[in-house]
Amino acid sequence: MVISRNPLIGKLLLITEDDEEIELHLEKDSAEALISALGAFLMEGAIGPL
C-alpha cells in the first residue's frame, strides 16, 4: 500500500507462520533493495540446495 507519493513510501504487511503481523514501512531505495534480495533468494531455490 502506498502511504506517500512524495517522497515515495509504502507499507507492507508481513504475516509469520504463527499469524503474527509485522508492518513494514519502506521508502523507494529500501523497497528496491528488498526486491533485489528476494530475487537473489528465489534464484538460490531455483538452483537447488548447496
PDB file of N, CA and C in Angstrom:
ATOM      1  N   MET A   1       0.848  -1.163   0.000  1.00  0.00           N
ATOM      2  CA  MET A   1       0.000   0.000   0.000  1.00  0.00           C
ATOM      3  C   MET A   1       0.902   1.237   0.000  1.00  0.00           C
ATOM      4  N   VAL A   2       0.592   2.188  -0.861  1.00  0.00           N
ATOM      5  CA  VAL A   2       1.342   3.441  -0.914  1.00  0.00           C
ATOM      6  C   VAL A   2       0.803   4.377   0.162  1.00  0.00           C
ATOM      7  N   ILE A   3       1.713   4.875   0.988  1.00  0.00           N
ATOM      8  CA  ILE A   3       1.352   5.809   2.055  1.00  0.00           C
ATOM      9  C   ILE A   3       1.564   7.248   1.595  1.00  0.00           C
ATOM     10  N   SER A   4       2.646   7.456   0.835  1.00  0.00           N
ATOM     11  CA  SER A   4       3.007   8.793   0.373  1.00  0.00           C
ATOM     12  C   SER A   4       3.617   8.681  -1.016  1.00  0.00           C
ATOM     13  N   ARG A   5       3.364   9.665  -1.846  1.00  0.00           N
ATOM     14  CA  ARG A   5       3.954   9.662  -3.189  1.00  0.00           C
ATOM     15  C   ARG A   5       5.170  10.576  -3.285  1.00  0.00           C
ATOM     16  N   ASN A   6       5.281  11.565  -2.399  1.00  0.00           N
ATOM     17  CA  ASN A   6       6.433  12.457  -2.444  1.00  0.00           C
ATOM     18  C   ASN A   6       6.838  12.816  -1.026  1.00  0.00           C
ATOM     19  N   PRO A   7       7.783  12.116  -0.426  1.00  0.00           N
ATOM     20  CA  PRO A   7       8.577  11.032  -1.000  1.00  0.00           C
ATOM     21  C   PRO A   7       7.775   9.736  -1.056  1.00  0.00           C
ATOM     22  N   LEU A   8       8.195   8.842  -1.945  1.00  0.00           N
ATOM     23  CA  LEU A   8       7.506   7.571  -2.110  1.00  0.00           C
ATOM     24  C   LEU A   8       7.765   6.686  -0.892  1.00  0.00           C
ATOM     25  N   ILE A   9       6.680   6.361  -0.185  1.00  0.00           N
ATOM     26  CA  ILE A   9       6.757   5.497   0.993  1.00  0.00           C
ATOM     27  C   ILE A   9       5.586   4.526   0.925  1.00  0.00           C
ATOM     28  N   GLY A  10       5.869   3.267   1.230  1.00  0.00           N
ATOM     29  CA  GLY A  10       4.827   2.263   1.205  1.00  0.00           C
ATOM     30  C   GLY A  10       4.791   1.461   2.486  1.00  0.00           C
ATOM     31  N   LYS A  11       3.704   0.724   2.640  1.00  0.00           N
ATOM     32  CA  LYS A  11       3.523  -0.125   3.812  1.00  0.00           C
ATOM     33  C   LYS A  11       3.294  -1.548   3.307  1.00  0.00           C
ATOM     34  N   LEU A  12       4.000  -2.490   3.914  1.00  0.00           N
ATOM     35  CA  LEU A  12       3.893  -3.897   3.556  1.00  0.00           C
ATOM     36  C   LEU A  12       3.550  -4.666   4.819  1.00  0.00           C
ATOM     37  N   LEU A  13       2.509  -5.484   4.763  1.00  0.00           N
ATOM     38  CA  LEU A  13       2.108  -6.286   5.912  1.00  0.00           C
ATOM     39  C   LEU A  13       2.641  -7.704   5.719  1.00  0.00           C
ATOM     40  N   LEU A  14       3.468  -8.142   6.655  1.00  0.00           N
ATOM     41  CA  LEU A  14       4.013  -9.496   6.641  1.00  0.00           C
ATOM     42  C   LEU A  14       3.322 -10.301   7.731  1.00  0.00           C
ATOM     43  N   ILE A  15       3.042 -11.562   7.450  1.00  0.00           N
ATOM     44  CA  ILE A  15       2.397 -12.433   8.428  1.00  0.00           C
ATOM     45  C   ILE A  15       3.279 -13.661   8.622  1.00  0.00           C
ATOM     46  N   THR A  16       3.655 -13.930   9.867  1.00  0.00           N
ATOM     47  CA  THR A  16       4.549 -15.038  10.182  1.00  0.00           C
ATOM     48  C   THR A  16       3.775 -16.354  10.224  1.00  0.00           C
ATOM     49  N   GLU A  17       4.513 -17.438  10.382  1.00  0.00           N
ATOM     50  CA  GLU A  17       3.886 -18.759  10.492  1.00  0.00           C
ATOM     51  C   GLU A  17       2.947 -18.840  11.695  1.00  0.00           C
ATOM     52  N   ASP A  18       3.216 -18.038  12.720  1.00  0.00           N
ATOM     53  CA  ASP A  18       2.392 -18.008  13.930  1.00  0.00           C
ATOM     54  C   ASP A  18       1.258 -16.987  13.827  1.00  0.00           C
ATOM     55  N   ASP A  19       0.982 -16.510  12.615  1.00  0.00           N
ATOM     56  CA  ASP A  19      -0.046 -15.497  12.349  1.00  0.00           C
ATOM     57  C   ASP A  19       0.222 -14.171  13.045  1.00  0.00           C
ATOM     58  N   GLU A  20       1.484 -13.906  13.344  1.00  0.00           N
ATOM     59  CA  GLU A  20       1.881 -12.617  13.909  1.00  0.00           C
ATOM     60  C   GLU A  20       2.032 -11.630  12.750  1.00  0.00           C
ATOM     61  N   GLU A  21       1.515 -10.431  12.907  1.00  0.00           N
ATOM     62  CA  GLU A  21       1.591  -9.424  11.855  1.00  0.00           C
ATOM     63  C   GLU A  21       2.756  -8.473  12.098  1.00  0.00           C
ATOM     64  N   ILE A  22       3.493  -8.202  11.033  1.00  0.00           N
ATOM     65  CA  ILE A  22       4.598  -7.249  11.075  1.00  0.00           C
ATOM     66  C   ILE A  22       4.337  -6.214   9.991  1.00  0.00           C
ATOM     67  N   GLU A  23       4.240  -4.956  10.390  1.00  0.00           N
ATOM     68  CA  GLU A  23       4.001  -3.874   9.447  1.00  0.00           C
ATOM     69  C   GLU A  23       5.349  -3.232   9.110  1.00  0.00           C
ATOM     70  N   LEU A  24       5.685  -3.240   7.837  1.00  0.00           N
ATOM     71  CA  LEU A  24       6.974  -2.735   7.374  1.00  0.00           C
ATOM     72  C   LEU A  24       6.742  -1.499   6.516  1.00  0.00           C
ATOM     73  N   HIS A  25       7.369  -0.386   6.895  1.00  0.00           N
ATOM     74  CA  HIS A  25       7.289   0.839   6.101  1.00  0.00           C
ATOM     75  C   HIS A  25       8.589   0.961   5.318  1.00  0.00           C
ATOM     76  N   LEU A  26       8.471   1.190   4.017  1.00  0.00           N
ATOM     77  CA  LEU A  26       9.627   1.255   3.137  1.00  0.00           C
ATOM     78  C   LEU A  26       9.610   2.516   2.295  1.00  0.00           C
ATOM     79  N   GLU A  27      10.786   3.100   2.106  1.00  0.00           N
ATOM     80  CA  GLU A  27      10.919   4.146   1.108  1.00  0.00           C
ATOM     81  C   GLU A  27      11.491   3.487  -0.146  1.00  0.00           C
ATOM     82  N   LYS A  28      11.551   4.210  -1.234  1.00  0.00           N
ATOM     83  CA  LYS A  28      11.867   3.650  -2.549  1.00  0.00           C
ATOM     84  C   LYS A  28      13.174   2.861  -2.570  1.00  0.00           C
ATOM     85  N   ASP A  29      14.253   3.409  -2.034  1.00  0.00           N
ATOM     86  CA  ASP A  29      15.550   2.723  -2.081  1.00  0.00           C
ATOM     87  C   ASP A  29      15.514   1.401  -1.306  1.00  0.00           C
ATOM     88  N   SER A  30      14.858   1.398  -0.149  1.00  0.00           N
ATOM     89  CA  SER A  30      14.756   0.171   0.640  1.00  0.00           C
ATOM     90  C   SER A  30      13.885  -0.866  -0.065  1.00  0.00           C
ATOM     91  N   ALA A  31      12.808  -0.421  -0.711  1.00  0.00           N
ATOM     92  CA  ALA A  31      11.938  -1.340  -1.442  1.00  0.00           C
ATOM     93  C   ALA A  31      12.697  -1.982  -2.601  1.00  0.00           C
ATOM     94  N   GLU A  32      13.506  -1.193  -3.308  1.00  0.00           N
ATOM     95  CA  GLU A  32      14.305  -1.738  -4.407  1.00  0.00           C
ATOM     96  C   GLU A  32      15.334  -2.744  -3.887  1.00  0.00           C
ATOM     97  N   ALA A  33      15.954  -2.461  -2.758  1.00  0.00           N
ATOM     98  CA  ALA A  33      16.922  -3.386  -2.166  1.00  0.00           C
ATOM     99  C   ALA A  33      16.237  -4.681  -1.734  1.00  0.00           C
ATOM    100  N   LEU A  34      15.021  -4.571  -1.190  1.00  0.00           N
ATOM    101  CA  LEU A  34      14.266  -5.750  -0.775  1.00  0.00           C
ATOM    102  C   LEU A  34      13.919  -6.616  -1.975  1.00  0.00           C
ATOM    103  N   ILE A  35      13.473  -6.014  -3.068  1.00  0.00           N
ATOM    104  CA  ILE A  35      13.152  -6.767  -4.284  1.00  0.00           C
ATOM    105  C   ILE A  35      14.393  -7.488  -4.807  1.00  0.00           C
ATOM    106  N   SER A  36      15.524  -6.816  -4.781  1.00  0.00           N
ATOM    107  CA  SER A  36      16.772  -7.424  -5.234  1.00  0.00           C
ATOM    108  C   SER A  36      17.151  -8.618  -4.356  1.00  0.00           C
ATOM    109  N   ALA A  37      17.047  -8.445  -3.048  1.00  0.00           N
ATOM    110  CA  ALA A  37      17.384  -9.529  -2.116  1.00  0.00           C
ATOM    111  C   ALA A  37      16.423 -10.708  -2.270  1.00  0.00           C
ATOM    112  N   LEU A  38      15.126 -10.429  -2.446  1.00  0.00           N
ATOM    113  CA  LEU A  38      14.150 -11.501  -2.638  1.00  0.00           C
ATOM    114  C   LEU A  38      14.410 -12.249  -3.943  1.00  0.00           C
ATOM    115  N   GLY A  39      14.768 -11.522  -4.983  1.00  0.00           N
ATOM    116  CA  GLY A  39      15.096 -12.160  -6.262  1.00  0.00           C
ATOM    117  C   GLY A  39      16.293 -13.091  -6.122  1.00  0.00           C
ATOM    118  N   ALA A  40      17.330 -12.638  -5.428  1.00  0.00           N
ATOM    119  CA  ALA A  40      18.516 -13.474  -5.203  1.00  0.00           C
ATOM    120  C   ALA A  40      18.162 -14.702  -4.370  1.00  0.00           C
ATOM    121  N   PHE A  41      17.324 -14.527  -3.367  1.00  0.00           N
ATOM    122  CA  PHE A  41      16.875 -15.630  -2.522  1.00  0.00           C
ATOM    123  C   PHE A  41      16.124 -16.670  -3.352  1.00  0.00           C
ATOM    124  N   LEU A  42      15.197 -16.215  -4.185  1.00  0.00           N
ATOM    125  CA  LEU A  42      14.419 -17.137  -5.010  1.00  0.00           C
ATOM    126  C   LEU A  42      15.278 -17.842  -6.046  1.00  0.00           C
ATOM    127  N   MET A  43      16.278 -17.168  -6.558  1.00  0.00           N
ATOM    128  CA  MET A  43      17.190 -17.800  -7.527  1.00  0.00           C
ATOM    129  C   MET A  43      17.989 -18.917  -6.866  1.00  0.00           C
ATOM    130  N   GLU A  44      18.340 -18.741  -5.603  1.00  0.00           N
ATOM    131  CA  GLU A  44      19.044 -19.807  -4.871  1.00  0.00           C
ATOM    132  C   GLU A  44      18.187 -21.053  -4.810  1.00  0.00           C
ATOM    133  N   GLY A  45      16.888 -20.884  -4.599  1.00  0.00           N
ATOM    134  CA  GLY A  45      15.976 -22.026  -4.555  1.00  0.00           C
ATOM    135  C   GLY A  45      15.847 -22.676  -5.923  1.00  0.00           C
ATOM    136  N   ALA A  46      15.939 -21.901  -6.991  1.00  0.00           N
ATOM    137  CA  ALA A  46      15.827 -22.436  -8.346  1.00  0.00           C
ATOM    138  C   ALA A  46      17.070 -23.239  -8.720  1.00  0.00           C
ATOM    139  N   ILE A  47      18.198 -22.841  -8.161  1.00  0.00           N
ATOM    140  CA  ILE A  47      19.464 -23.523  -8.457  1.00  0.00           C
ATOM    141  C   ILE A  47      19.525 -24.870  -7.742  1.00  0.00           C
ATOM    142  N   GLY A  48      18.935 -24.936  -6.562  1.00  0.00           N
ATOM    143  CA  GLY A  48      18.939 -26.182  -5.795  1.00  0.00           C
ATOM    144  C   GLY A  48      19.719 -26.027  -4.529  1.00  0.00           C
ATOM    145  N   PRO A  49      19.650 -27.047  -3.669  1.00  0.00           N
ATOM    146  CA  PRO A  49      20.351 -26.979  -2.373  1.00  0.00           C
ATOM    147  C   PRO A  49      21.863 -26.998  -2.561  1.00  0.00           C
ATOM    148  N   LEU A  50      22.540 -26.360  -1.586  1.00  0.00           N
ATOM    149  CA  LEU A  50      24.009 -26.330  -1.630  1.00  0.00           C
ATOM    150  C   LEU A  50      24.584 -27.574  -1.038  1.00  0.00           C
TER     151      LEU A  50
END
